[in-house]
C-alpha atoms as a PDB file:
ATOM      1  CA  MET A   1     -17.671  77.511  29.133  1.00  0.00           C
ATOM      2  CA  LYS A   2     -18.289  74.810  31.541  1.00  0.00           C
ATOM      3  CA  ASN A   3     -21.955  73.999  31.284  1.00  0.00           C
ATOM      4  CA  TYR A   4     -23.352  72.692  28.181  1.00  0.00           C
ATOM      5  CA  GLU A   5     -27.282  72.790  27.480  1.00  0.00           C
ATOM      6  CA  PRO A   6     -28.649  69.592  25.796  1.00  0.00           C
ATOM      7  CA  VAL A   7     -29.927  70.284  22.566  1.00  0.00           C
ATOM      8  CA  SER A   8     -33.491  68.666  21.887  1.00  0.00           C
ATOM      9  CA  LEU A   9     -34.073  66.929  18.721  1.00  0.00           C
ATOM     10  CA  GLU A  10     -37.006  64.385  17.912  1.00  0.00           C
ATOM     11  CA  GLY A  11     -35.961  60.948  16.719  1.00  0.00           C
ATOM     12  CA  THR A  12     -33.067  62.622  14.570  1.00  0.00           C
ATOM     13  CA  THR A  13     -30.030  60.618  13.745  1.00  0.00           C
ATOM     14  CA  VAL A  14     -26.719  62.383  13.727  1.00  0.00           C
ATOM     15  CA  PRO A  15     -24.613  60.360  11.029  1.00  0.00           C
ATOM     16  CA  PHE A  16     -22.476  63.716  10.817  1.00  0.00           C
ATOM     17  CA  ILE A  17     -20.636  62.978  13.991  1.00  0.00           C
ATOM     18  CA  GLN A  18     -17.083  62.110  12.761  1.00  0.00           C
ATOM     19  CA  SER A  19     -17.213  65.245  10.327  1.00  0.00           C
ATOM     20  CA  ALA A  20     -15.769  67.295  13.013  1.00  0.00           C
ATOM     21  CA  ASN A  21     -13.373  66.934  15.831  1.00  0.00           C
ATOM     22  CA  ILE A  22     -16.051  66.348  18.545  1.00  0.00           C
ATOM     23  CA  LYS A  23     -14.735  64.374  21.472  1.00  0.00           C
ATOM     24  CA  SER A  24     -17.955  62.860  22.267  1.00  0.00           C
ATOM     25  CA  MET A  25     -21.536  63.105  21.340  1.00  0.00           C
ATOM     26  CA  THR A  26     -24.469  61.160  23.031  1.00  0.00           C
ATOM     27  CA  ILE A  27     -28.168  60.563  22.567  1.00  0.00           C
ATOM     28  CA  THR A  28     -30.567  60.343  25.308  1.00  0.00           C
ATOM     29  CA  GLY A  29     -34.053  60.278  25.700  1.00  0.00           C
ATOM     30  CA  GLY A  30     -36.140  63.578  25.991  1.00  0.00           C
ATOM     31  CA  ALA A  31     -39.626  64.719  26.919  1.00  0.00           C
ATOM     32  CA  ASP A  32     -40.057  67.506  24.115  1.00  0.00           C
ATOM     33  CA  ASN A  33     -41.744  66.842  20.742  1.00  0.00           C
ATOM     34  CA  LEU A  34     -37.887  66.671  19.859  1.00  0.00           C
ATOM     35  CA  PRO A  35     -36.855  63.778  22.082  1.00  0.00           C
ATOM     36  CA  GLY A  36     -33.221  62.917  21.950  1.00  0.00           C
ATOM     37  CA  HIS A  37     -30.304  65.044  23.245  1.00  0.00           C
ATOM     38  CA  ILE A  38     -26.925  65.861  21.618  1.00  0.00           C
ATOM     39  CA  ILE A  39     -24.509  66.492  24.416  1.00  0.00           C
ATOM     40  CA  LEU A  40     -21.014  68.053  23.161  1.00  0.00           C
ATOM     41  CA  SER A  41     -18.227  67.517  25.538  1.00  0.00           C
ATOM     42  CA  PRO A  42     -16.168  70.394  26.804  1.00  0.00           C
ATOM     43  CA  GLN A  43     -13.110  69.349  24.379  1.00  0.00           C
ATOM     44  CA  PRO A  44     -12.389  72.109  21.861  1.00  0.00           C
ATOM     45  CA  LEU A  45     -14.942  72.034  18.946  1.00  0.00           C
ATOM     46  CA  ARG A  46     -13.230  72.995  16.196  1.00  0.00           C
ATOM     47  CA  CYS A  47     -13.241  72.305  12.346  1.00  0.00           C
ATOM     48  CA  ILE A  48     -10.704  69.941  10.886  1.00  0.00           C
ATOM     49  CA  GLN A  49      -9.691  72.569   8.428  1.00  0.00           C
ATOM     50  CA  GLY A  50      -8.982  75.028  10.919  1.00  0.00           C
ATOM     51  CA  SER A  51     -11.465  77.671   9.771  1.00  0.00           C
ATOM     52  CA  SER A  52     -13.441  79.822  12.232  1.00  0.00           C
ATOM     53  CA  CYS A  53     -16.603  78.243  10.911  1.00  0.00           C
ATOM     54  CA  ILE A  54     -18.517  77.932  14.245  1.00  0.00           C
ATOM     55  CA  LYS A  55     -18.712  81.748  14.292  1.00  0.00           C
ATOM     56  CA  HIS A  56     -20.205  81.678  10.813  1.00  0.00           C
ATOM     57  CA  ILE A  57     -22.682  79.085  11.910  1.00  0.00           C
ATOM     58  CA  PHE A  58     -24.494  81.264  14.329  1.00  0.00           C
ATOM     59  CA  HIS A  59     -24.489  84.294  11.861  1.00  0.00           C
ATOM     60  CA  LEU A  60     -25.469  82.506   8.733  1.00  0.00           C
ATOM     61  CA  PHE A  61     -27.637  79.802   9.767  1.00  0.00           C
ATOM     62  CA  LEU A  62     -29.539  81.870  12.558  1.00  0.00           C
ATOM     63  CA  LEU A  63     -29.924  84.665   9.936  1.00  0.00           C
ATOM     64  CA  HIS A  64     -30.642  83.175   6.879  1.00  0.00           C
ATOM     65  CA  LEU A  65     -31.390  79.332   6.842  1.00  0.00           C
ATOM     66  CA  GLN A  66     -33.011  78.835   9.991  1.00  0.00           C
ATOM     67  CA  THR A  67     -36.315  77.815   8.874  1.00  0.00           C
ATOM     68  CA  ALA A  68     -35.201  76.206   5.460  1.00  0.00           C
ATOM     69  CA  LEU A  69     -32.687  73.680   6.865  1.00  0.00           C
ATOM     70  CA  LEU A  70     -34.649  72.632  10.167  1.00  0.00           C
ATOM     71  CA  PRO A  71     -36.157  69.330   9.156  1.00  0.00           C
ATOM     72  CA  VAL A  72     -38.646  69.167  12.059  1.00  0.00           C
ATOM     73  CA  PRO A  73     -40.943  71.901  13.856  1.00  0.00           C
ATOM     74  CA  ILE A  74     -39.519  74.081  16.508  1.00  0.00           C
ATOM     75  CA  LYS A  75     -41.570  74.401  19.642  1.00  0.00           C
ATOM     76  CA  LYS A  76     -42.300  78.081  20.618  1.00  0.00           C
ATOM     77  CA  ASN A  77     -40.878  77.708  24.025  1.00  0.00           C
ATOM     78  CA  MET A  78     -37.369  76.288  22.607  1.00  0.00           C
ATOM     79  CA  SER A  79     -34.815  78.759  23.529  1.00  0.00           C
ATOM     80  CA  PHE A  80     -32.578  80.667  21.008  1.00  0.00           C
ATOM     81  CA  TYR A  81     -29.588  78.818  22.287  1.00  0.00           C
ATOM     82  CA  LYS A  82     -30.922  75.422  21.622  1.00  0.00           C
ATOM     83  CA  ILE A  83     -32.008  76.234  18.293  1.00  0.00           C
ATOM     84  CA  SER A  84     -28.632  77.781  17.629  1.00  0.00           C
ATOM     85  CA  CYS A  85     -26.743  74.745  18.871  1.00  0.00           C
ATOM     86  CA  PHE A  86     -28.686  72.472  16.570  1.00  0.00           C
ATOM     87  CA  LEU A  87     -28.050  74.705  13.413  1.00  0.00           C
ATOM     88  CA  MET A  88     -24.258  74.544  14.511  1.00  0.00           C
ATOM     89  CA  ALA A  89     -24.206  70.715  14.256  1.00  0.00           C
ATOM     90  CA  CYS A  90     -26.153  70.930  10.820  1.00  0.00           C
ATOM     91  CA  CYS A  91     -23.646  73.342   9.540  1.00  0.00           C
ATOM     92  CA  ILE A  92     -20.463  71.038  10.709  1.00  0.00           C
ATOM     93  CA  THR A  93     -21.500  68.439   8.431  1.00  0.00           C
ATOM     94  CA  LEU A  94     -21.421  71.089   5.528  1.00  0.00           C
ATOM     95  CA  LEU A  95     -18.243  73.027   6.356  1.00  0.00           C
ATOM     96  CA  CYS A  96     -16.098  70.711   8.103  1.00  0.00           C
ATOM     97  CA  PRO A  97     -15.674  67.612   5.906  1.00  0.00           C
ATOM     98  CA  ALA A  98     -13.984  64.547   7.511  1.00  0.00           C
ATOM     99  CA  GLN A  99     -10.211  64.788   7.474  1.00  0.00           C
ATOM    100  CA  SER A 100      -8.440  63.620   4.326  1.00  0.00           C
ATOM    101  CA  PRO A 101      -4.776  63.843   3.172  1.00  0.00           C
ATOM    102  CA  SER A 102      -3.630  66.420   0.690  1.00  0.00           C
ATOM    103  CA  PHE A 103      -0.985  63.856  -0.936  1.00  0.00           C
ATOM    104  CA  PRO A 104      -0.957  61.014  -3.056  1.00  0.00           C
ATOM    105  CA  ILE A 105      -1.077  57.709  -1.275  1.00  0.00           C
ATOM    106  CA  LEU A 106       0.454  54.770  -3.486  1.00  0.00           C
ATOM    107  CA  ARG A 107      -1.731  51.670  -2.818  1.00  0.00           C
ATOM    108  CA  SER A 108      -1.219  49.250  -5.695  1.00  0.00           C
ATOM    109  CA  GLY A 109       1.677  47.539  -7.124  1.00  0.00           C
ATOM    110  CA  LYS A 110       1.067  49.278 -10.565  1.00  0.00           C
ATOM    111  CA  GLU A 111       1.529  52.626  -8.843  1.00  0.00           C
ATOM    112  CA  TYR A 112       4.704  51.352  -7.278  1.00  0.00           C
ATOM    113  CA  ARG A 113       6.345  50.040 -10.258  1.00  0.00           C
ATOM    114  CA  ASN A 114       5.514  53.202 -12.324  1.00  0.00           C
ATOM    115  CA  ALA A 115       7.258  55.208  -9.251  1.00  0.00           C
ATOM    116  CA  LEU A 116      10.162  52.965  -9.780  1.00  0.00           C
ATOM    117  CA  ARG A 117      10.159  53.607 -13.580  1.00  0.00           C
ATOM    118  CA  LYS A 118      10.548  57.196 -12.761  1.00  0.00           C
ATOM    119  CA  ASN A 119      13.245  56.866 -10.095  1.00  0.00           C
ATOM    120  CA  ALA A 120      15.258  53.941  -8.994  1.00  0.00           C
ATOM    121  CA  ASP A 121      15.653  55.167  -5.601  1.00  0.00           C
ATOM    122  CA  ASN A 122      12.022  54.957  -4.957  1.00  0.00           C
ATOM    123  CA  ARG A 123      12.554  51.083  -4.446  1.00  0.00           C
ATOM    124  CA  LEU A 124      11.976  49.684  -1.104  1.00  0.00           C
ATOM    125  CA  VAL A 125      15.078  47.346  -0.102  1.00  0.00           C
ATOM    126  CA  GLU A 126      14.704  44.385   2.348  1.00  0.00           C
ATOM    127  CA  LEU A 127      17.104  45.477   5.105  1.00  0.00           C
ATOM    128  CA  LYS A 128      18.770  42.260   5.927  1.00  0.00           C
ATOM    129  CA  SER A 129      19.243  41.652   2.124  1.00  0.00           C
ATOM    130  CA  ARG A 130      21.792  44.766   2.051  1.00  0.00           C
ATOM    131  CA  ILE A 131      23.008  45.014   5.471  1.00  0.00           C
ATOM    132  CA  PRO A 132      24.866  41.626   6.982  1.00  0.00           C
ATOM    133  CA  GLY A 133      24.453  40.951  10.489  1.00  0.00           C
ATOM    134  CA  LEU A 134      21.413  43.162  11.188  1.00  0.00           C
ATOM    135  CA  VAL A 135      19.109  42.184  13.897  1.00  0.00           C
ATOM    136  CA  TYR A 136      15.299  42.100  13.657  1.00  0.00           C
ATOM    137  CA  ASP A 137      12.975  42.672  16.771  1.00  0.00           C
ATOM    138  CA  LEU A 138       9.548  43.688  14.399  1.00  0.00           C
ATOM    139  CA  ARG A 139       7.619  44.637  17.527  1.00  0.00           C
ATOM    140  CA  TYR A 140       4.505  45.294  15.479  1.00  0.00           C
ATOM    141  CA  ALA A 141       4.330  41.908  14.219  1.00  0.00           C
ATOM    142  CA  THR A 142       3.923  40.987  17.630  1.00  0.00           C
ATOM    143  CA  THR A 143       1.625  42.059  20.513  1.00  0.00           C
ATOM    144  CA  ASN A 144       4.791  43.520  22.394  1.00  0.00           C
ATOM    145  CA  ASN A 145       4.044  47.201  21.371  1.00  0.00           C
ATOM    146  CA  PHE A 146       1.903  50.138  22.832  1.00  0.00           C
ATOM    147  CA  MET A 147      -1.114  48.820  20.790  1.00  0.00           C
ATOM    148  CA  HIS A 148      -1.112  45.526  22.509  1.00  0.00           C
ATOM    149  CA  ARG A 149      -1.859  43.801  19.295  1.00  0.00           C
ATOM    150  CA  ARG A 150      -0.410  42.765  16.001  1.00  0.00           C
ATOM    151  CA  MET A 151      -0.360  45.431  13.668  1.00  0.00           C
ATOM    152  CA  TYR A 152       1.522  43.446  11.005  1.00  0.00           C
ATOM    153  CA  PRO A 153       0.770  40.147   9.814  1.00  0.00           C
ATOM    154  CA  GLY A 154       1.902  37.422  12.293  1.00  0.00           C
ATOM    155  CA  GLY A 155       5.319  35.897  11.534  1.00  0.00           C
ATOM    156  CA  THR A 156       6.216  38.932   9.423  1.00  0.00           C
ATOM    157  CA  ARG A 157      10.201  38.721   9.259  1.00  0.00           C
ATOM    158  CA  TYR A 158      11.077  41.442   6.889  1.00  0.00           C
ATOM    159  CA  THR A 159      11.298  45.206   6.661  1.00  0.00           C
ATOM    160  CA  PHE A 160      12.132  47.734   4.217  1.00  0.00           C
ATOM    161  CA  MET A 161      13.359  51.354   3.544  1.00  0.00           C
ATOM    162  CA  ARG A 162      14.029  53.188   0.264  1.00  0.00           C
ATOM    163  CA  ARG A 163      17.296  52.367  -1.668  1.00  0.00           C
ATOM    164  CA  PRO A 164      19.370  55.508  -0.334  1.00  0.00           C
ATOM    165  CA  ALA A 165      18.125  55.310   3.104  1.00  0.00           C
ATOM    166  CA  ALA A 166      18.939  51.293   3.220  1.00  0.00           C
ATOM    167  CA  GLU A 167      22.541  51.842   1.893  1.00  0.00           C
ATOM    168  CA  ALA A 168      23.149  54.812   4.447  1.00  0.00           C
ATOM    169  CA  LEU A 169      21.911  52.421   7.199  1.00  0.00           C
ATOM    170  CA  ALA A 170      24.350  49.672   5.904  1.00  0.00           C
ATOM    171  CA  ALA A 171      27.300  52.327   5.973  1.00  0.00           C
ATOM    172  CA  ALA A 172      26.239  52.885   9.724  1.00  0.00           C
ATOM    173  CA  GLN A 173      26.177  49.096  10.644  1.00  0.00           C
ATOM    174  CA  LYS A 174      29.673  48.945   8.866  1.00  0.00           C
ATOM    175  CA  GLU A 175      31.016  51.341  11.268  1.00  0.00           C
ATOM    176  CA  LEU A 176      29.629  50.207  14.357  1.00  0.00           C
ATOM    177  CA  ASN A 177      30.829  46.640  13.629  1.00  0.00           C
ATOM    178  CA  LEU A 178      34.211  47.952  13.843  1.00  0.00           C
ATOM    179  CA  GLU A 179      33.755  48.627  17.626  1.00  0.00           C
ATOM    180  CA  GLY A 180      31.752  45.367  18.386  1.00  0.00           C
ATOM    181  CA  LEU A 181      28.443  46.907  18.049  1.00  0.00           C
ATOM    182  CA  GLY A 182      25.465  46.547  15.665  1.00  0.00           C
ATOM    183  CA  LEU A 183      21.947  47.662  15.096  1.00  0.00           C
ATOM    184  CA  LYS A 184      18.726  45.893  15.751  1.00  0.00           C
ATOM    185  CA  ILE A 185      15.797  47.044  13.728  1.00  0.00           C
ATOM    186  CA  PHE A 186      12.205  47.578  15.790  1.00  0.00           C
ATOM    187  CA  ASP A 187      10.377  48.955  12.574  1.00  0.00           C
ATOM    188  CA  ALA A 188      11.042  50.631   9.393  1.00  0.00           C
ATOM    189  CA  TYR A 189       8.588  50.881   6.365  1.00  0.00           C
ATOM    190  CA  ARG A 190       5.009  51.051   7.805  1.00  0.00           C
ATOM    191  CA  PRO A 191       1.794  51.078   5.597  1.00  0.00           C
ATOM    192  CA  TYR A 192      -0.193  54.297   5.899  1.00  0.00           C
ATOM    193  CA  SER A 193      -3.402  52.371   7.090  1.00  0.00           C
ATOM    194  CA  VAL A 194      -1.264  51.227  10.310  1.00  0.00           C
ATOM    195  CA  SER A 195      -0.414  54.650  10.973  1.00  0.00           C
ATOM    196  CA  GLN A 196      -4.147  55.569  10.754  1.00  0.00           C
ATOM    197  CA  LYS A 197      -4.824  53.023  13.455  1.00  0.00           C
ATOM    198  CA  PHE A 198      -2.123  54.377  15.545  1.00  0.00           C
ATOM    199  CA  TRP A 199      -3.680  57.772  15.445  1.00  0.00           C
ATOM    200  CA  GLU A 200      -6.862  56.492  16.575  1.00  0.00           C
ATOM    201  CA  LEU A 201      -5.225  55.532  20.008  1.00  0.00           C
ATOM    202  CA  VAL A 202      -2.642  58.092  20.454  1.00  0.00           C
ATOM    203  CA  LYS A 203      -3.413  61.623  18.992  1.00  0.00           C
ATOM    204  CA  ASP A 204      -0.076  63.107  19.977  1.00  0.00           C
ATOM    205  CA  GLU A 205       2.218  64.147  17.165  1.00  0.00           C
ATOM    206  CA  ARG A 206       5.454  63.757  19.645  1.00  0.00           C
ATOM    207  CA  TYR A 207       5.002  60.076  19.551  1.00  0.00           C
ATOM    208  CA  VAL A 208       2.713  59.100  16.583  1.00  0.00           C
ATOM    209  CA  ALA A 209       2.618  60.693  13.127  1.00  0.00           C
ATOM    210  CA  ASN A 210      -0.643  62.475  12.184  1.00  0.00           C
ATOM    211  CA  PRO A 211      -2.100  60.668   9.171  1.00  0.00           C
ATOM    212  CA  ALA A 212      -3.275  64.131   7.584  1.00  0.00           C
ATOM    213  CA  LYS A 213       0.628  64.725   7.282  1.00  0.00           C
ATOM    214  CA  GLY A 214       1.789  61.124   6.631  1.00  0.00           C
ATOM    215  CA  SER A 215       4.544  59.486   8.372  1.00  0.00           C
ATOM    216  CA  ASN A 216       8.250  59.003   7.218  1.00  0.00           C
ATOM    217  CA  HIS A 217       7.654  55.468   8.176  1.00  0.00           C
ATOM    218  CA  ASN A 218       5.074  55.566   5.458  1.00  0.00           C
ATOM    219  CA  ARG A 219       7.630  56.919   3.059  1.00  0.00           C
ATOM    220  CA  GLY A 220      10.092  54.328   3.675  1.00  0.00           C
ATOM    221  CA  THR A 221      12.678  56.743   5.208  1.00  0.00           C
ATOM    222  CA  ALA A 222      12.111  56.351   8.918  1.00  0.00           C
ATOM    223  CA  VAL A 223      13.767  53.544  11.157  1.00  0.00           C
ATOM    224  CA  ASP A 224      13.367  52.697  14.722  1.00  0.00           C
ATOM    225  CA  LEU A 225      16.082  51.086  16.094  1.00  0.00           C
ATOM    226  CA  THR A 226      18.913  50.500  18.961  1.00  0.00           C
ATOM    227  CA  LEU A 227      22.456  49.410  19.290  1.00  0.00           C
ATOM    228  CA  ILE A 228      23.547  45.745  20.429  1.00  0.00           C
ATOM    229  CA  ASP A 229      26.650  44.171  21.533  1.00  0.00           C
ATOM    230  CA  LEU A 230      27.913  41.885  18.983  1.00  0.00           C
ATOM    231  CA  LYS A 231      29.241  39.277  21.154  1.00  0.00           C
ATOM    232  CA  THR A 232      26.193  38.961  23.688  1.00  0.00           C
ATOM    233  CA  GLN A 233      23.516  40.047  21.101  1.00  0.00           C
ATOM    234  CA  GLN A 234      22.212  42.137  24.193  1.00  0.00           C
ATOM    235  CA  GLU A 235      20.753  45.655  23.529  1.00  0.00           C
ATOM    236  CA  LEU A 236      22.791  48.497  25.212  1.00  0.00           C
ATOM    237  CA  HIS A 237      20.854  50.389  27.710  1.00  0.00           C
ATOM    238  CA  MET A 238      19.080  53.434  26.567  1.00  0.00           C
ATOM    239  CA  GLY A 239      17.051  54.423  29.656  1.00  0.00           C
ATOM    240  CA  THR A 240      13.707  53.336  28.518  1.00  0.00           C
ATOM    241  CA  GLY A 241      12.529  50.690  26.196  1.00  0.00           C
ATOM    242  CA  PHE A 242      10.944  51.277  22.634  1.00  0.00           C
ATOM    243  CA  ASP A 243       7.842  53.137  22.189  1.00  0.00           C
ATOM    244  CA  ASN A 244       8.145  54.712  25.739  1.00  0.00           C
ATOM    245  CA  PHE A 245       5.890  57.757  25.613  1.00  0.00           C
ATOM    246  CA  THR A 246       7.450  59.926  28.376  1.00  0.00           C
ATOM    247  CA  ASP A 247       9.885  62.583  28.852  1.00  0.00           C
ATOM    248  CA  THR A 248      12.774  59.991  29.760  1.00  0.00           C
ATOM    249  CA  ALA A 249      12.639  58.844  26.067  1.00  0.00           C
ATOM    250  CA  HIS A 250      13.352  62.598  24.901  1.00  0.00           C
ATOM    251  CA  HIS A 251      16.896  63.397  23.595  1.00  0.00           C
ATOM    252  CA  SER A 252      16.875  66.409  25.690  1.00  0.00           C
ATOM    253  CA  PHE A 253      16.340  64.334  29.100  1.00  0.00           C
ATOM    254  CA  THR A 254      19.755  63.926  31.004  1.00  0.00           C
ATOM    255  CA  GLY A 255      18.711  62.541  34.178  1.00  0.00           C
ATOM    256  CA  LEU A 256      20.088  59.250  33.136  1.00  0.00           C
ATOM    257  CA  PRO A 257      23.223  57.370  34.227  1.00  0.00           C
ATOM    258  CA  PRO A 258      26.317  58.394  32.168  1.00  0.00           C
ATOM    259  CA  GLN A 259      26.748  55.070  30.416  1.00  0.00           C
ATOM    260  CA  VAL A 260      23.062  55.233  29.316  1.00  0.00           C
ATOM    261  CA  LEU A 261      23.632  59.126  27.890  1.00  0.00           C
ATOM    262  CA  LYS A 262      26.915  57.714  26.371  1.00  0.00           C
ATOM    263  CA  ASN A 263      24.842  54.953  24.584  1.00  0.00           C
ATOM    264  CA  ARG A 264      22.396  57.297  23.183  1.00  0.00           C
ATOM    265  CA  GLY A 265      24.762  59.691  22.019  1.00  0.00           C
ATOM    266  CA  ARG A 266      26.999  56.842  20.430  1.00  0.00           C
ATOM    267  CA  LEU A 267      23.648  55.747  18.155  1.00  0.00           C
ATOM    268  CA  ARG A 268      22.856  59.424  17.432  1.00  0.00           C
ATOM    269  CA  SER A 269      26.191  60.218  16.261  1.00  0.00           C
ATOM    270  CA  VAL A 270      26.769  57.535  13.836  1.00  0.00           C
ATOM    271  CA  MET A 271      23.087  57.724  12.303  1.00  0.00           C
ATOM    272  CA  GLU A 272      23.419  61.476  12.003  1.00  0.00           C
ATOM    273  CA  ARG A 273      27.092  61.121  10.219  1.00  0.00           C
ATOM    274  CA  HIS A 274      25.218  58.722   7.749  1.00  0.00           C
ATOM    275  CA  GLY A 275      22.485  61.213   6.804  1.00  0.00           C
ATOM    276  CA  PHE A 276      19.767  60.671   9.383  1.00  0.00           C
ATOM    277  CA  GLY A 277      18.104  63.164  11.671  1.00  0.00           C
ATOM    278  CA  ALA A 278      16.997  62.209  15.295  1.00  0.00           C
ATOM    279  CA  LEU A 279      13.258  62.759  16.461  1.00  0.00           C
ATOM    280  CA  ASP A 280      13.579  65.000  19.690  1.00  0.00           C
ATOM    281  CA  SER A 281      11.011  62.814  21.612  1.00  0.00           C
ATOM    282  CA  GLU A 282      12.310  59.236  20.710  1.00  0.00           C
ATOM    283  CA  TRP A 283      15.798  58.119  20.981  1.00  0.00           C
ATOM    284  CA  TRP A 284      15.016  55.074  18.691  1.00  0.00           C
ATOM    285  CA  HIS A 285      13.603  57.193  15.750  1.00  0.00           C
ATOM    286  CA  TYR A 286      15.675  58.504  12.913  1.00  0.00           C
ATOM    287  CA  THR A 287      14.791  59.668   9.576  1.00  0.00           C
ATOM    288  CA  TYR A 288      16.702  59.530   6.295  1.00  0.00           C
ATOM    289  CA  ARG A 289      17.143  63.300   5.320  1.00  0.00           C
ATOM    290  CA  THR A 290      17.625  63.350   1.710  1.00  0.00           C
ATOM    291  CA  GLY A 291      15.341  62.842  -1.202  1.00  0.00           C
ATOM    292  CA  THR A 292      11.482  63.143  -1.288  1.00  0.00           C
ATOM    293  CA  PHE A 293       9.280  60.376  -1.215  1.00  0.00           C
ATOM    294  CA  ASP A 294       5.644  59.279  -1.759  1.00  0.00           C
ATOM    295  CA  VAL A 295       3.401  57.879   1.150  1.00  0.00           C
ATOM    296  CA  LEU A 296       2.586  54.124   0.705  1.00  0.00           C
ATOM    297  CA  ASP A 297       0.085  51.895   1.765  1.00  0.00           C
ATOM    298  CA  LEU A 298       1.324  48.470   0.375  1.00  0.00           C
ATOM    299  CA  SER A 299       1.331  45.443   2.415  1.00  0.00           C
ATOM    300  CA  PHE A 300       4.366  43.342   3.137  1.00  0.00           C
ATOM    301  CA  LYS A 301       3.266  40.726   0.954  1.00  0.00           C
ATOM    302  CA  GLN A 302       3.123  43.135  -2.074  1.00  0.00           C
ATOM    303  CA  LEU A 303       6.524  44.143  -1.276  1.00  0.00           C
ATOM    304  CA  SER A 304       7.828  40.736  -0.794  1.00  0.00           C
ATOM    305  CA  LYS A 305       7.173  40.151  -4.463  1.00  0.00           C
ATOM    306  CA  ARG A 306      10.025  41.972  -6.255  1.00  0.00           C
ATOM    307  CA  PRO A 307       8.538  44.153  -9.045  1.00  0.00           C
END
């Protein structure tokens, strides 16, 4: 369907826009008794909850609720299609609520302390406190990232992972040190609210976690990192930089110099040997695979205060 006929509404506001996955909706002037046009973009119009409610909109509303719910008079010359489109928009509000997570999100220090009492492995450990020689380049505390703005407080100098993940990362660092190599960390624990902002810009689950599912960064089990030469402190060449959203960053991409492929393979082998799993689309991203942890939306300031 390529052509979209405007729906006329007289001075009607549309507070329900964010209730559905509508790419765009604009209001313009009109000449009818019902001025104002709602124009749906040609992007797929679907309910967040994935039901086939649009089909039901036409049947239920047109057959049963047309006159009861329409808040303004309908001109006799209004087309059946215009009426149905308006009713469809109304029904979106009722049947397609805004997307919300189906899992608990720990937001307060009290909730975090309660989780620690249940299981000591829930503790978020500051990585440098556990891993000697670890190097930080915390990109989201700077403007040098795909968002081009600070996502963490400026001057943030610490990052965290759950205790078992931090211990596994320490073991990987120890092994690499024997070869004159080390780890540089770009990001680890990430507050849930920051992931929401990422998703607003990049709605692509190959590169950004969908907040409806929560990110393993939010759970404190994911880490973004690379290898460095301990003597020079220089990063080993990995073919792309951090947060490169192209196929070249994928593990499956082999059109790279042999040394680059070797570097990626070295990072992956040591991480997998110590319990981490790779993300196919990002050579820098690894997730600790053991344990189940809650999503957190705790600030770095909250976590810097030892509970």
